[in-house]
Amino acid sequence: MKRWIAGLVVCATMMAPALAALKAGDKAPDFTAQASLGGKVFTYSLADVLKKGPVVLYFYPAAFTKGCTIEAHLFADATDKYKALGATVIGVSHDDIDTLNKFSVSECRSKFAVAADTNQSIMKSYDAVLLYKTGYADRVSYVITPDGSILYEYSSMNPEKHVENTMQALQQWLAKNKK
């Protein structure tokens, strides 16, 4: 009976929506990190990338897990649409750069960069640490405008809507700012 109750509590926690502290209008914390794109390591600077346009920043728990693989495939499939809107995508997890080199090629399909946050400094600054397993990132996506402001935030352990929701927020922002 105790195992059943413990299992129910864990399931309920995993199904509950995550609550990111950063909201629309907040200043996005700047960061620089070791990243991989297509299996090639480079230094990623949020400030530098924002000079080119909006950034979709998404946090995911761990490379090569089921949900994170699904999410990486979805972002890879949408990368050209983001680029057409002038935006770039960066994924962040606690994984080391060697793991991300493989993940960036196989699951991200060499379409977008993934950054290593082994000390969790980026996750903590974005309040994206998984509540019930603090060694991992929560599944949280942000859209950041070129001025460094959070435009949109979406938190859900289900990977299915992160691309759709961030794409919609970005499209609405662009339409509003073209007027």
C-alpha atoms as a PDB file:
ATOM      1  CA  MET A   1       0.000   0.000   0.000  1.00  0.00           C
ATOM      2  CA  LYS A   2       2.840   2.406   0.843  1.00  0.00           C
ATOM      3  CA  ARG A   3       4.451   1.751  -2.551  1.00  0.00           C
ATOM      4  CA  TRP A   4       1.164   2.409  -4.307  1.00  0.00           C
ATOM      5  CA  ILE A   5       0.711   5.730  -2.493  1.00  0.00           C
ATOM      6  CA  ALA A   6       4.335   6.720  -3.159  1.00  0.00           C
ATOM      7  CA  GLY A   7       3.868   5.873  -6.835  1.00  0.00           C
ATOM      8  CA  LEU A   8       0.697   7.939  -6.961  1.00  0.00           C
ATOM      9  CA  VAL A   9       2.488  10.928  -5.414  1.00  0.00           C
ATOM     10  CA  VAL A  10       5.347  10.669  -7.930  1.00  0.00           C
ATOM     11  CA  CYS A  11       2.898  10.415 -10.843  1.00  0.00           C
ATOM     12  CA  ALA A  12       0.882  13.373  -9.578  1.00  0.00           C
ATOM     13  CA  THR A  13       4.049  15.438  -9.254  1.00  0.00           C
ATOM     14  CA  MET A  14       5.139  14.564 -12.772  1.00  0.00           C
ATOM     15  CA  MET A  15       1.721  15.432 -14.200  1.00  0.00           C
ATOM     16  CA  ALA A  16       1.447  18.744 -12.357  1.00  0.00           C
ATOM     17  CA  PRO A  17       2.417  21.787 -14.392  1.00  0.00           C
ATOM     18  CA  ALA A  18       5.806  23.219 -13.590  1.00  0.00           C
ATOM     19  CA  LEU A  19       5.874  26.772 -12.337  1.00  0.00           C
ATOM     20  CA  ALA A  20       8.681  28.844 -13.775  1.00  0.00           C
ATOM     21  CA  ALA A  21       9.494  31.998 -11.832  1.00  0.00           C
ATOM     22  CA  LEU A  22      10.431  34.033 -14.904  1.00  0.00           C
ATOM     23  CA  LYS A  23       7.387  35.494 -16.601  1.00  0.00           C
ATOM     24  CA  ALA A  24       6.671  37.684 -19.601  1.00  0.00           C
ATOM     25  CA  GLY A  25       8.348  41.053 -19.158  1.00  0.00           C
ATOM     26  CA  ASP A  26      11.136  39.766 -16.898  1.00  0.00           C
ATOM     27  CA  LYS A  27      14.739  40.311 -17.947  1.00  0.00           C
ATOM     28  CA  ALA A  28      16.286  37.075 -19.276  1.00  0.00           C
ATOM     29  CA  PRO A  29      19.487  36.203 -17.413  1.00  0.00           C
ATOM     30  CA  ASP A  30      22.462  36.392 -19.743  1.00  0.00           C
ATOM     31  CA  PHE A  31      24.710  33.346 -20.015  1.00  0.00           C
ATOM     32  CA  THR A  32      27.652  31.904 -21.871  1.00  0.00           C
ATOM     33  CA  ALA A  33      28.083  28.134 -22.089  1.00  0.00           C
ATOM     34  CA  GLN A  34      29.850  25.357 -23.899  1.00  0.00           C
ATOM     35  CA  ALA A  35      27.482  24.090 -26.587  1.00  0.00           C
ATOM     36  CA  SER A  36      27.347  21.670 -29.474  1.00  0.00           C
ATOM     37  CA  LEU A  37      25.847  22.003 -32.928  1.00  0.00           C
ATOM     38  CA  GLY A  38      26.215  19.102 -35.299  1.00  0.00           C
ATOM     39  CA  GLY A  39      28.748  17.502 -32.970  1.00  0.00           C
ATOM     40  CA  LYS A  40      31.013  20.559 -32.981  1.00  0.00           C
ATOM     41  CA  VAL A  41      31.747  22.332 -29.699  1.00  0.00           C
ATOM     42  CA  PHE A  42      31.625  26.130 -29.481  1.00  0.00           C
ATOM     43  CA  THR A  43      31.000  28.854 -26.927  1.00  0.00           C
ATOM     44  CA  TYR A  44      27.377  29.999 -26.958  1.00  0.00           C
ATOM     45  CA  SER A  45      26.630  33.546 -25.802  1.00  0.00           C
ATOM     46  CA  LEU A  46      22.984  34.506 -25.351  1.00  0.00           C
ATOM     47  CA  ALA A  47      23.838  38.212 -25.635  1.00  0.00           C
ATOM     48  CA  ASP A  48      25.571  37.675 -28.977  1.00  0.00           C
ATOM     49  CA  VAL A  49      22.750  35.586 -30.415  1.00  0.00           C
ATOM     50  CA  LEU A  50      20.086  38.082 -29.293  1.00  0.00           C
ATOM     51  CA  LYS A  51      21.811  40.710 -31.455  1.00  0.00           C
ATOM     52  CA  LYS A  52      20.614  38.665 -34.445  1.00  0.00           C
ATOM     53  CA  GLY A  53      17.004  38.205 -33.307  1.00  0.00           C
ATOM     54  CA  PRO A  54      14.725  36.410 -30.828  1.00  0.00           C
ATOM     55  CA  VAL A  55      15.829  33.224 -29.091  1.00  0.00           C
ATOM     56  CA  VAL A  56      13.766  30.195 -28.146  1.00  0.00           C
ATOM     57  CA  LEU A  57      15.482  28.777 -25.076  1.00  0.00           C
ATOM     58  CA  TYR A  58      14.269  25.425 -23.867  1.00  0.00           C
ATOM     59  CA  PHE A  59      15.352  23.347 -20.907  1.00  0.00           C
ATOM     60  CA  TYR A  60      15.056  19.561 -20.901  1.00  0.00           C
ATOM     61  CA  PRO A  61      15.874  16.957 -18.225  1.00  0.00           C
ATOM     62  CA  ALA A  62      18.348  14.620 -19.966  1.00  0.00           C
ATOM     63  CA  ALA A  63      19.612  13.754 -23.428  1.00  0.00           C
ATOM     64  CA  PHE A  64      18.498  10.441 -24.915  1.00  0.00           C
ATOM     65  CA  THR A  65      15.487   9.998 -22.641  1.00  0.00           C
ATOM     66  CA  LYS A  66      12.117   9.406 -24.284  1.00  0.00           C
ATOM     67  CA  GLY A  67      10.504  12.813 -23.705  1.00  0.00           C
ATOM     68  CA  CYS A  68      13.685  14.747 -24.434  1.00  0.00           C
ATOM     69  CA  THR A  69      14.233  12.848 -27.666  1.00  0.00           C
ATOM     70  CA  ILE A  70      10.653  13.596 -28.752  1.00  0.00           C
ATOM     71  CA  GLU A  71      11.132  17.274 -27.911  1.00  0.00           C
ATOM     72  CA  ALA A  72      14.483  17.465 -29.745  1.00  0.00           C
ATOM     73  CA  HIS A  73      12.884  15.947 -32.849  1.00  0.00           C
ATOM     74  CA  LEU A  74      10.026  18.463 -32.697  1.00  0.00           C
ATOM     75  CA  PHE A  75      12.421  21.415 -32.357  1.00  0.00           C
ATOM     76  CA  ALA A  76      14.621  20.031 -35.157  1.00  0.00           C
ATOM     77  CA  ASP A  77      11.587  19.727 -37.437  1.00  0.00           C
ATOM     78  CA  ALA A  78      10.605  23.337 -36.659  1.00  0.00           C
ATOM     79  CA  THR A  79      14.060  24.930 -36.849  1.00  0.00           C
ATOM     80  CA  ASP A  80      13.635  26.179 -40.421  1.00  0.00           C
ATOM     81  CA  LYS A  81      10.317  27.826 -39.458  1.00  0.00           C
ATOM     82  CA  TYR A  82      12.006  29.538 -36.504  1.00  0.00           C
ATOM     83  CA  LYS A  83      14.822  30.722 -38.800  1.00  0.00           C
ATOM     84  CA  ALA A  84      12.261  32.102 -41.264  1.00  0.00           C
ATOM     85  CA  LEU A  85      10.913  34.180 -38.363  1.00  0.00           C
ATOM     86  CA  GLY A  86      14.427  35.386 -37.537  1.00  0.00           C
ATOM     87  CA  ALA A  87      14.698  33.284 -34.373  1.00  0.00           C
ATOM     88  CA  THR A  88      17.200  30.713 -33.177  1.00  0.00           C
ATOM     89  CA  VAL A  89      16.745  27.750 -30.848  1.00  0.00           C
ATOM     90  CA  ILE A  90      19.003  26.601 -28.010  1.00  0.00           C
ATOM     91  CA  GLY A  91      18.358  23.628 -25.726  1.00  0.00           C
ATOM     92  CA  VAL A  92      19.936  23.396 -22.258  1.00  0.00           C
ATOM     93  CA  SER A  93      20.399  20.414 -19.948  1.00  0.00           C
ATOM     94  CA  HIS A  94      22.734  19.197 -17.225  1.00  0.00           C
ATOM     95  CA  ASP A  95      24.405  16.779 -19.661  1.00  0.00           C
ATOM     96  CA  ASP A  96      28.136  17.020 -20.325  1.00  0.00           C
ATOM     97  CA  ILE A  97      29.420  18.245 -23.662  1.00  0.00           C
ATOM     98  CA  ASP A  98      30.474  14.773 -24.852  1.00  0.00           C
ATOM     99  CA  THR A  99      26.914  13.536 -24.446  1.00  0.00           C
ATOM    100  CA  LEU A 100      25.552  16.657 -26.136  1.00  0.00           C
ATOM    101  CA  ASN A 101      27.901  16.210 -29.095  1.00  0.00           C
ATOM    102  CA  LYS A 102      26.159  12.897 -29.822  1.00  0.00           C
ATOM    103  CA  PHE A 103      22.678  14.224 -28.984  1.00  0.00           C
ATOM    104  CA  SER A 104      23.122  17.272 -31.228  1.00  0.00           C
ATOM    105  CA  VAL A 105      23.782  15.050 -34.227  1.00  0.00           C
ATOM    106  CA  SER A 106      21.371  12.179 -33.656  1.00  0.00           C
ATOM    107  CA  GLU A 107      18.341  13.716 -31.930  1.00  0.00           C
ATOM    108  CA  CYS A 108      18.701  17.426 -32.745  1.00  0.00           C
ATOM    109  CA  ARG A 109      19.628  16.391 -36.290  1.00  0.00           C
ATOM    110  CA  SER A 110      22.360  19.057 -36.418  1.00  0.00           C
ATOM    111  CA  LYS A 111      19.615  21.711 -36.690  1.00  0.00           C
ATOM    112  CA  PHE A 112      20.102  23.675 -33.456  1.00  0.00           C
ATOM    113  CA  ALA A 113      22.574  24.004 -30.598  1.00  0.00           C
ATOM    114  CA  VAL A 114      22.391  22.352 -27.197  1.00  0.00           C
ATOM    115  CA  ALA A 115      24.308  23.751 -24.228  1.00  0.00           C
ATOM    116  CA  ALA A 116      25.905  21.966 -21.296  1.00  0.00           C
ATOM    117  CA  ASP A 117      24.888  23.283 -17.878  1.00  0.00           C
ATOM    118  CA  THR A 118      26.655  20.741 -15.686  1.00  0.00           C
ATOM    119  CA  ASN A 119      26.795  23.086 -12.692  1.00  0.00           C
ATOM    120  CA  GLN A 120      23.139  24.144 -13.190  1.00  0.00           C
ATOM    121  CA  SER A 121      23.922  27.855 -13.148  1.00  0.00           C
ATOM    122  CA  ILE A 122      21.732  28.550 -16.195  1.00  0.00           C
ATOM    123  CA  MET A 123      18.905  26.326 -14.950  1.00  0.00           C
ATOM    124  CA  LYS A 124      18.933  28.045 -11.570  1.00  0.00           C
ATOM    125  CA  SER A 125      18.984  31.549 -13.064  1.00  0.00           C
ATOM    126  CA  TYR A 126      15.898  30.644 -15.144  1.00  0.00           C
ATOM    127  CA  ASP A 127      14.246  28.729 -12.286  1.00  0.00           C
ATOM    128  CA  ALA A 128      14.264  25.628 -14.471  1.00  0.00           C
ATOM    129  CA  VAL A 129      15.469  23.014 -11.975  1.00  0.00           C
ATOM    130  CA  LEU A 130      13.217  19.987 -11.730  1.00  0.00           C
ATOM    131  CA  LEU A 131      11.429  20.229  -8.392  1.00  0.00           C
ATOM    132  CA  TYR A 132      11.316  16.527  -7.563  1.00  0.00           C
ATOM    133  CA  LYS A 133      14.709  15.581  -9.030  1.00  0.00           C
ATOM    134  CA  THR A 134      16.955  18.609  -8.555  1.00  0.00           C
ATOM    135  CA  GLY A 135      19.905  17.243 -10.521  1.00  0.00           C
ATOM    136  CA  TYR A 136      17.946  17.765 -13.728  1.00  0.00           C
ATOM    137  CA  ALA A 137      16.345  20.595 -15.661  1.00  0.00           C
ATOM    138  CA  ASP A 138      12.609  21.018 -15.721  1.00  0.00           C
ATOM    139  CA  ARG A 139      10.928  21.068 -19.143  1.00  0.00           C
ATOM    140  CA  VAL A 140      10.505  24.823 -19.582  1.00  0.00           C
ATOM    141  CA  SER A 141      10.582  26.885 -22.772  1.00  0.00           C
ATOM    142  CA  TYR A 142      11.122  30.626 -23.091  1.00  0.00           C
ATOM    143  CA  VAL A 143      10.899  33.041 -26.000  1.00  0.00           C
ATOM    144  CA  ILE A 144      13.339  35.914 -25.486  1.00  0.00           C
ATOM    145  CA  THR A 145      13.144  39.123 -27.518  1.00  0.00           C
ATOM    146  CA  PRO A 146      16.269  40.847 -28.859  1.00  0.00           C
ATOM    147  CA  ASP A 147      16.161  43.394 -26.017  1.00  0.00           C
ATOM    148  CA  GLY A 148      16.657  40.526 -23.549  1.00  0.00           C
ATOM    149  CA  SER A 149      13.099  40.394 -22.225  1.00  0.00           C
ATOM    150  CA  ILE A 150      11.088  37.253 -21.672  1.00  0.00           C
ATOM    151  CA  LEU A 151       8.229  37.345 -24.163  1.00  0.00           C
ATOM    152  CA  TYR A 152       6.712  33.977 -23.306  1.00  0.00           C
ATOM    153  CA  GLU A 153       7.191  31.086 -20.898  1.00  0.00           C
ATOM    154  CA  TYR A 154       5.726  27.594 -21.069  1.00  0.00           C
ATOM    155  CA  SER A 155       6.215  24.809 -18.534  1.00  0.00           C
ATOM    156  CA  SER A 156       5.059  21.234 -19.013  1.00  0.00           C
ATOM    157  CA  MET A 157       6.724  17.874 -18.615  1.00  0.00           C
ATOM    158  CA  ASN A 158       4.825  16.799 -21.725  1.00  0.00           C
ATOM    159  CA  PRO A 159       7.109  17.669 -24.667  1.00  0.00           C
ATOM    160  CA  GLU A 160       4.308  17.876 -27.238  1.00  0.00           C
ATOM    161  CA  LYS A 161       3.293  21.578 -27.040  1.00  0.00           C
ATOM    162  CA  HIS A 162       6.592  23.409 -26.483  1.00  0.00           C
ATOM    163  CA  VAL A 163       7.278  24.008 -30.173  1.00  0.00           C
ATOM    164  CA  GLU A 164       3.684  24.864 -31.039  1.00  0.00           C
ATOM    165  CA  ASN A 165       3.327  27.317 -28.146  1.00  0.00           C
ATOM    166  CA  THR A 166       6.666  29.081 -28.577  1.00  0.00           C
ATOM    167  CA  MET A 167       6.104  29.331 -32.332  1.00  0.00           C
ATOM    168  CA  GLN A 168       2.687  30.908 -31.776  1.00  0.00           C
ATOM    169  CA  ALA A 169       4.071  33.406 -29.241  1.00  0.00           C
ATOM    170  CA  LEU A 170       6.870  34.351 -31.618  1.00  0.00           C
ATOM    171  CA  GLN A 171       4.489  34.783 -34.577  1.00  0.00           C
ATOM    172  CA  GLN A 172       2.146  36.976 -32.523  1.00  0.00           C
ATOM    173  CA  TRP A 173       5.049  39.121 -31.328  1.00  0.00           C
ATOM    174  CA  LEU A 174       6.353  39.569 -34.862  1.00  0.00           C
ATOM    175  CA  ALA A 175       2.916  40.479 -36.200  1.00  0.00           C
ATOM    176  CA  LYS A 176       2.448  43.039 -33.423  1.00  0.00           C
ATOM    177  CA  ASN A 177       5.890  44.565 -33.973  1.00  0.00           C
ATOM    178  CA  LYS A 178       5.556  44.902 -37.754  1.00  0.00           C
ATOM    179  CA  LYS A 179       2.804  47.487 -37.346  1.00  0.00           C
END
